[in-house]
Amino acid sequence: MNTILVLLVLSAVTALLVTYARHDRFAGPASTSHPLDELGPIEERFHLVPRG
């Protein structure tokens, strides 16, 4: 019974660590992308041009 509980706890801790490590806080600012087209940054024009 103890072995099963230890395995469950270890698998939960491993899952949490993997989720934490895969988060983009380790990548820094290079992990963010700003889509561009011929008119410049798209996200600045979201309020001007409706994107569907």
PDB file of N, CA and C in Angstrom:
ATOM      1  N   MET A   1       0.826  -1.196   0.000  1.00  0.00           N
ATOM      2  CA  MET A   1       0.000   0.000   0.000  1.00  0.00           C
ATOM      3  C   MET A   1       0.871   1.261   0.000  1.00  0.00           C
ATOM      4  N   ASN A   2       1.917   1.240   0.793  1.00  0.00           N
ATOM      5  CA  ASN A   2       2.821   2.401   0.834  1.00  0.00           C
ATOM      6  C   ASN A   2       3.508   2.616  -0.506  1.00  0.00           C
ATOM      7  N   THR A   3       3.844   1.533  -1.166  1.00  0.00           N
ATOM      8  CA  THR A   3       4.513   1.642  -2.462  1.00  0.00           C
ATOM      9  C   THR A   3       3.603   2.319  -3.477  1.00  0.00           C
ATOM     10  N   ILE A   4       2.334   1.967  -3.463  1.00  0.00           N
ATOM     11  CA  ILE A   4       1.387   2.575  -4.397  1.00  0.00           C
ATOM     12  C   ILE A   4       1.245   4.072  -4.109  1.00  0.00           C
ATOM     13  N   LEU A   5       1.158   4.427  -2.844  1.00  0.00           N
ATOM     14  CA  LEU A   5       1.045   5.845  -2.486  1.00  0.00           C
ATOM     15  C   LEU A   5       2.291   6.623  -2.886  1.00  0.00           C
ATOM     16  N   VAL A   6       3.455   6.040  -2.663  1.00  0.00           N
ATOM     17  CA  VAL A   6       4.706   6.704  -3.036  1.00  0.00           C
ATOM     18  C   VAL A   6       4.773   6.883  -4.546  1.00  0.00           C
ATOM     19  N   LEU A   7       4.373   5.885  -5.304  1.00  0.00           N
ATOM     20  CA  LEU A   7       4.384   6.004  -6.766  1.00  0.00           C
ATOM     21  C   LEU A   7       3.391   7.068  -7.241  1.00  0.00           C
ATOM     22  N   LEU A   8       2.235   7.139  -6.626  1.00  0.00           N
ATOM     23  CA  LEU A   8       1.266   8.168  -7.004  1.00  0.00           C
ATOM     24  C   LEU A   8       1.788   9.568  -6.701  1.00  0.00           C
ATOM     25  N   VAL A   9       2.392   9.732  -5.550  1.00  0.00           N
ATOM     26  CA  VAL A   9       2.944  11.044  -5.189  1.00  0.00           C
ATOM     27  C   VAL A   9       4.093  11.415  -6.113  1.00  0.00           C
ATOM     28  N   LEU A  10       4.963  10.471  -6.408  1.00  0.00           N
ATOM     29  CA  LEU A  10       6.086  10.752  -7.313  1.00  0.00           C
ATOM     30  C   LEU A  10       5.601  11.100  -8.713  1.00  0.00           C
ATOM     31  N   SER A  11       4.595  10.408  -9.196  1.00  0.00           N
ATOM     32  CA  SER A  11       4.084  10.724 -10.527  1.00  0.00           C
ATOM     33  C   SER A  11       3.402  12.092 -10.538  1.00  0.00           C
ATOM     34  N   ALA A  12       2.717  12.450  -9.465  1.00  0.00           N
ATOM     35  CA  ALA A  12       2.097  13.777  -9.396  1.00  0.00           C
ATOM     36  C   ALA A  12       3.157  14.873  -9.343  1.00  0.00           C
ATOM     37  N   VAL A  13       4.196  14.660  -8.550  1.00  0.00           N
ATOM     38  CA  VAL A  13       5.286  15.640  -8.461  1.00  0.00           C
ATOM     39  C   VAL A  13       5.995  15.768  -9.807  1.00  0.00           C
ATOM     40  N   THR A  14       6.216  14.662 -10.479  1.00  0.00           N
ATOM     41  CA  THR A  14       6.861  14.691 -11.795  1.00  0.00           C
ATOM     42  C   THR A  14       6.002  15.457 -12.797  1.00  0.00           C
ATOM     43  N   ALA A  15       4.706  15.214 -12.772  1.00  0.00           N
ATOM     44  CA  ALA A  15       3.810  15.928 -13.685  1.00  0.00           C
ATOM     45  C   ALA A  15       3.837  17.433 -13.404  1.00  0.00           C
ATOM     46  N   LEU A  16       3.846  17.815 -12.143  1.00  0.00           N
ATOM     47  CA  LEU A  16       3.905  19.242 -11.805  1.00  0.00           C
ATOM     48  C   LEU A  16       5.224  19.868 -12.236  1.00  0.00           C
ATOM     49  N   LEU A  17       6.321  19.155 -12.046  1.00  0.00           N
ATOM     50  CA  LEU A  17       7.626  19.683 -12.451  1.00  0.00           C
ATOM     51  C   LEU A  17       7.722  19.838 -13.967  1.00  0.00           C
ATOM     52  N   VAL A  18       7.187  18.881 -14.695  1.00  0.00           N
ATOM     53  CA  VAL A  18       7.215  18.970 -16.156  1.00  0.00           C
ATOM     54  C   VAL A  18       6.363  20.142 -16.625  1.00  0.00           C
ATOM     55  N   THR A  19       5.197  20.323 -16.021  1.00  0.00           N
ATOM     56  CA  THR A  19       4.344  21.450 -16.372  1.00  0.00           C
ATOM     57  C   THR A  19       5.042  22.766 -16.065  1.00  0.00           C
ATOM     58  N   TYR A  20       5.698  22.844 -14.931  1.00  0.00           N
ATOM     59  CA  TYR A  20       6.418  24.058 -14.547  1.00  0.00           C
ATOM     60  C   TYR A  20       7.586  24.328 -15.495  1.00  0.00           C
ATOM     61  N   ALA A  21       8.321  23.294 -15.833  1.00  0.00           N
ATOM     62  CA  ALA A  21       9.495  23.474 -16.697  1.00  0.00           C
ATOM     63  C   ALA A  21       9.108  23.820 -18.123  1.00  0.00           C
ATOM     64  N   ARG A  22       7.954  23.353 -18.576  1.00  0.00           N
ATOM     65  CA  ARG A  22       7.544  23.640 -19.946  1.00  0.00           C
ATOM     66  C   ARG A  22       6.903  25.010 -20.077  1.00  0.00           C
ATOM     67  N   HIS A  23       6.643  25.678 -18.975  1.00  0.00           N
ATOM     68  CA  HIS A  23       6.080  27.018 -19.037  1.00  0.00           C
ATOM     69  C   HIS A  23       7.125  27.959 -19.623  1.00  0.00           C
ATOM     70  N   ASP A  24       6.687  29.002 -20.265  1.00  0.00           N
ATOM     71  CA  ASP A  24       7.628  29.864 -20.987  1.00  0.00           C
ATOM     72  C   ASP A  24       8.395  30.824 -20.103  1.00  0.00           C
ATOM     73  N   ARG A  25       8.309  30.723 -18.780  1.00  0.00           N
ATOM     74  CA  ARG A  25       9.070  31.645 -17.934  1.00  0.00           C
ATOM     75  C   ARG A  25      10.573  31.386 -18.028  1.00  0.00           C
ATOM     76  N   PHE A  26      10.976  30.228 -18.534  1.00  0.00           N
ATOM     77  CA  PHE A  26      12.396  29.932 -18.684  1.00  0.00           C
ATOM     78  C   PHE A  26      12.940  30.462 -20.006  1.00  0.00           C
ATOM     79  N   ALA A  27      12.070  30.711 -20.962  1.00  0.00           N
ATOM     80  CA  ALA A  27      12.524  31.090 -22.291  1.00  0.00           C
ATOM     81  C   ALA A  27      12.883  32.563 -22.388  1.00  0.00           C
ATOM     82  N   GLY A  28      12.279  33.392 -21.559  1.00  0.00           N
ATOM     83  CA  GLY A  28      12.569  34.812 -21.604  1.00  0.00           C
ATOM     84  C   GLY A  28      11.825  35.518 -22.714  1.00  0.00           C
ATOM     85  N   PRO A  29      12.214  36.731 -23.028  1.00  0.00           N
ATOM     86  CA  PRO A  29      11.471  37.517 -24.001  1.00  0.00           C
ATOM     87  C   PRO A  29      11.526  36.979 -25.426  1.00  0.00           C
ATOM     88  N   ALA A  30      12.494  36.123 -25.731  1.00  0.00           N
ATOM     89  CA  ALA A  30      12.588  35.577 -27.083  1.00  0.00           C
ATOM     90  C   ALA A  30      11.472  34.591 -27.386  1.00  0.00           C
ATOM     91  N   SER A  31      10.743  34.155 -26.361  1.00  0.00           N
ATOM     92  CA  SER A  31       9.681  33.185 -26.602  1.00  0.00           C
ATOM     93  C   SER A  31       8.393  33.843 -27.075  1.00  0.00           C
ATOM     94  N   THR A  32       8.298  35.155 -26.987  1.00  0.00           N
ATOM     95  CA  THR A  32       7.099  35.832 -27.446  1.00  0.00           C
ATOM     96  C   THR A  32       7.269  36.236 -28.895  1.00  0.00           C
ATOM     97  N   SER A  33       6.213  36.119 -29.645  1.00  0.00           N
ATOM     98  CA  SER A  33       6.282  36.517 -31.053  1.00  0.00           C
ATOM     99  C   SER A  33       5.289  37.631 -31.300  1.00  0.00           C
ATOM    100  N   HIS A  34       5.653  38.529 -32.148  1.00  0.00           N
ATOM    101  CA  HIS A  34       4.795  39.631 -32.529  1.00  0.00           C
ATOM    102  C   HIS A  34       4.570  39.529 -34.029  1.00  0.00           C
ATOM    103  N   PRO A  35       3.388  39.070 -34.433  1.00  0.00           N
ATOM    104  CA  PRO A  35       3.140  38.880 -35.866  1.00  0.00           C
ATOM    105  C   PRO A  35       3.205  40.200 -36.630  1.00  0.00           C
ATOM    106  N   LEU A  36       3.902  40.170 -37.731  1.00  0.00           N
ATOM    107  CA  LEU A  36       4.069  41.341 -38.589  1.00  0.00           C
ATOM    108  C   LEU A  36       3.557  41.027 -39.983  1.00  0.00           C
ATOM    109  N   ASP A  37       3.090  42.036 -40.665  1.00  0.00           N
ATOM    110  CA  ASP A  37       2.826  41.933 -42.092  1.00  0.00           C
ATOM    111  C   ASP A  37       3.372  43.192 -42.749  1.00  0.00           C
ATOM    112  N   GLU A  38       2.967  43.469 -43.977  1.00  0.00           N
ATOM    113  CA  GLU A  38       3.559  44.607 -44.683  1.00  0.00           C
ATOM    114  C   GLU A  38       3.194  45.962 -44.076  1.00  0.00           C
ATOM    115  N   LEU A  39       2.175  45.999 -43.198  1.00  0.00           N
ATOM    116  CA  LEU A  39       1.780  47.261 -42.576  1.00  0.00           C
ATOM    117  C   LEU A  39       2.338  47.440 -41.173  1.00  0.00           C
ATOM    118  N   GLY A  40       3.062  46.462 -40.663  1.00  0.00           N
ATOM    119  CA  GLY A  40       3.636  46.567 -39.329  1.00  0.00           C
ATOM    120  C   GLY A  40       3.031  45.552 -38.376  1.00  0.00           C
ATOM    121  N   PRO A  41       3.120  45.841 -37.079  1.00  0.00           N
ATOM    122  CA  PRO A  41       2.598  44.899 -36.081  1.00  0.00           C
ATOM    123  C   PRO A  41       1.079  44.741 -36.181  1.00  0.00           C
ATOM    124  N   ILE A  42       0.631  43.507 -36.276  1.00  0.00           N
ATOM    125  CA  ILE A  42      -0.804  43.226 -36.424  1.00  0.00           C
ATOM    126  C   ILE A  42      -1.555  43.541 -35.140  1.00  0.00           C
ATOM    127  N   GLU A  43      -0.967  43.228 -33.989  1.00  0.00           N
ATOM    128  CA  GLU A  43      -1.706  43.405 -32.741  1.00  0.00           C
ATOM    129  C   GLU A  43      -2.011  44.868 -32.440  1.00  0.00           C
ATOM    130  N   GLU A  44      -1.262  45.793 -33.020  1.00  0.00           N
ATOM    131  CA  GLU A  44      -1.563  47.208 -32.818  1.00  0.00           C
ATOM    132  C   GLU A  44      -2.760  47.647 -33.649  1.00  0.00           C
ATOM    133  N   ARG A  45      -3.116  46.882 -34.670  1.00  0.00           N
ATOM    134  CA  ARG A  45      -4.232  47.246 -35.542  1.00  0.00           C
ATOM    135  C   ARG A  45      -5.495  46.445 -35.249  1.00  0.00           C
ATOM    136  N   PHE A  46      -5.518  45.667 -34.183  1.00  0.00           N
ATOM    137  CA  PHE A  46      -6.708  44.867 -33.894  1.00  0.00           C
ATOM    138  C   PHE A  46      -7.948  45.745 -33.724  1.00  0.00           C
ATOM    139  N   HIS A  47      -7.782  46.937 -33.152  1.00  0.00           N
ATOM    140  CA  HIS A  47      -8.933  47.799 -32.954  1.00  0.00           C
ATOM    141  C   HIS A  47      -9.335  48.527 -34.231  1.00  0.00           C
ATOM    142  N   LEU A  48      -8.470  48.558 -35.239  1.00  0.00           N
ATOM    143  CA  LEU A  48      -8.774  49.239 -36.494  1.00  0.00           C
ATOM    144  C   LEU A  48      -9.357  48.309 -37.539  1.00  0.00           C
ATOM    145  N   VAL A  49      -8.817  47.102 -37.621  1.00  0.00           N
ATOM    146  CA  VAL A  49      -9.231  46.141 -38.637  1.00  0.00           C
ATOM    147  C   VAL A  49      -9.814  44.930 -37.937  1.00  0.00           C
ATOM    148  N   PRO A  50     -11.106  44.655 -38.136  1.00  0.00           N
ATOM    149  CA  PRO A  50     -11.666  43.459 -37.487  1.00  0.00           C
ATOM    150  C   PRO A  50     -11.074  42.178 -38.070  1.00  0.00           C
ATOM    151  N   ARG A  51     -10.565  41.354 -37.202  1.00  0.00           N
ATOM    152  CA  ARG A  51      -9.974  40.073 -37.617  1.00  0.00           C
ATOM    153  C   ARG A  51     -10.927  38.966 -37.186  1.00  0.00           C
ATOM    154  N   GLY A  52     -11.296  38.126 -38.099  1.00  0.00           N
ATOM    155  CA  GLY A  52     -12.254  37.089 -37.745  1.00  0.00           C
ATOM    156  C   GLY A  52     -11.735  35.765 -37.764  1.00  0.00           C
TER     157      GLY A  52
END
